[in-house]
């Protein structure tokens, strides 16, 4: 279970973001329960922290396309897995995000 964004003691730098990864699905659409070995690695999560943006050549920062609370999709093997305070997060670059889900 992810902690609230205010309690994350991790501040990403530049164009990176911290994502709380969604849990793997435990059963298929047809209702079949999946064992742990058959579960696929989740590829979506909720953004809990964002960096200030990529530093441009002229010294300004590019605005981030994602914000805290957005649900994003990312590549299966992208980013780095970290654990902070007993909670697992994934740190991604903004370019690793494939899209965000509409609310």
Protein backbone atom coordinates (compact mmCIF):
# COMPACT_ATOMS: atom_id res chain seq x y z
CA UNK A 1 0.00 0.00 0.00
CA UNK A 2 1.45 3.37 -1.01
CA UNK A 3 1.90 6.19 1.45
CA UNK A 4 0.52 9.65 0.77
CA UNK A 5 2.64 11.91 -1.42
CA UNK A 6 3.38 14.26 1.50
CA UNK A 7 5.10 11.49 3.48
CA UNK A 8 7.49 10.36 0.70
CA UNK A 9 11.01 11.22 1.86
CA UNK A 10 12.38 11.03 -1.65
CA UNK A 11 12.79 14.05 -3.91
CA UNK A 12 13.66 13.22 -7.53
CA UNK A 13 16.08 15.37 -9.49
CA UNK A 14 15.75 16.90 -12.97
CA UNK A 15 13.20 15.08 -15.18
CA UNK A 16 12.72 12.09 -12.90
CA UNK A 17 9.57 11.03 -11.08
CA UNK A 18 8.75 8.61 -8.27
CA UNK A 19 5.92 6.15 -8.93
CA UNK A 20 4.07 3.89 -6.52
CA UNK A 21 3.59 0.77 -8.65
CA UNK A 22 0.14 -0.84 -8.74
CA UNK A 23 -0.21 -4.38 -7.45
CA UNK A 24 -0.12 -7.26 -9.92
CA UNK A 25 -3.52 -8.63 -10.89
CA UNK A 26 -4.44 -11.74 -8.96
CA UNK A 27 -7.06 -13.08 -11.35
CA UNK A 28 -7.82 -12.92 -15.04
CA UNK A 29 -10.83 -11.27 -16.65
CA UNK A 30 -12.42 -14.73 -16.80
CA UNK A 31 -12.06 -15.18 -13.03
CA UNK A 32 -9.10 -17.58 -12.96
CA UNK A 33 -6.83 -17.03 -9.94
CA UNK A 34 -3.16 -16.66 -10.84
CA UNK A 35 -0.30 -18.08 -8.74
CA UNK A 36 2.59 -15.76 -7.86
CA UNK A 37 4.80 -17.26 -10.58
CA UNK A 38 2.27 -16.48 -13.34
CA UNK A 39 1.61 -12.85 -12.40
CA UNK A 40 2.93 -10.30 -14.86
CA UNK A 41 5.04 -7.38 -13.72
CA UNK A 42 2.71 -4.36 -13.37
CA UNK A 43 3.27 -1.53 -15.84
CA UNK A 44 1.27 1.26 -14.25
CA UNK A 45 1.35 3.27 -11.07
CA UNK A 46 0.57 6.55 -9.38
CA UNK A 47 3.02 9.45 -9.39
CA UNK A 48 3.94 10.42 -5.80
CA UNK A 49 6.77 12.91 -6.48
CA UNK A 50 8.15 14.81 -9.49
CA UNK A 51 11.40 16.61 -10.09
CA UNK A 52 11.70 20.25 -11.22
CA UNK A 53 12.12 19.34 -14.90
CA UNK A 54 14.96 18.93 -17.37
CA UNK A 55 17.51 21.73 -17.48
CA UNK A 56 17.57 23.35 -20.92
CA UNK A 57 20.59 24.89 -22.67
CA UNK A 58 19.41 28.43 -21.87
CA UNK A 59 19.33 27.69 -18.12
CA UNK A 60 15.56 27.35 -17.70
CA UNK A 61 13.69 24.19 -16.76
CA UNK A 62 11.28 22.38 -19.10
CA UNK A 63 7.89 21.86 -17.43
CA UNK A 64 7.00 18.29 -16.47
CA UNK A 65 4.13 16.66 -18.38
CA UNK A 66 3.05 14.65 -15.33
CA UNK A 67 1.97 15.78 -11.88
CA UNK A 68 1.54 14.19 -8.47
CA UNK A 69 -1.53 11.96 -8.45
CA UNK A 70 -1.44 11.06 -12.18
CA UNK A 71 -1.71 7.38 -13.11
CA UNK A 72 0.99 6.59 -15.65
CA UNK A 73 1.96 3.68 -17.88
CA UNK A 74 5.62 2.76 -18.30
CA UNK A 75 7.75 0.10 -19.96
CA UNK A 76 8.08 -3.31 -18.35
CA UNK A 77 11.80 -3.00 -17.55
CA UNK A 78 12.17 0.79 -17.30
CA UNK A 79 13.27 2.74 -14.25
CA UNK A 80 14.94 1.71 -11.02
CA UNK A 81 13.26 -0.05 -8.11
CA UNK A 82 13.95 1.50 -4.68
CA UNK A 83 12.65 0.94 -1.17
CA UNK A 84 12.15 3.88 1.19
CA UNK A 85 10.70 3.39 4.65
CA UNK A 86 9.58 -0.15 3.83
CA UNK A 87 7.61 0.97 0.77
CA UNK A 88 8.71 0.06 -2.76
CA UNK A 89 8.81 2.74 -5.45
CA UNK A 90 10.04 3.02 -9.02
CA UNK A 91 12.12 6.01 -10.16
CA UNK A 92 11.60 6.83 -13.85
CA UNK A 93 12.75 9.49 -16.26
CA UNK A 94 9.91 11.46 -17.81
CA UNK A 95 10.85 9.93 -21.19
CA UNK A 96 10.22 6.41 -19.75
CA UNK A 97 6.53 7.25 -19.27
CA UNK A 98 4.51 5.91 -22.19
CA UNK A 99 1.33 7.78 -21.30
CA UNK A 100 -1.01 8.79 -18.53
CA UNK A 101 -4.50 7.49 -17.96
CA UNK A 102 -7.35 9.98 -18.27
CA UNK A 103 -9.39 10.52 -15.12
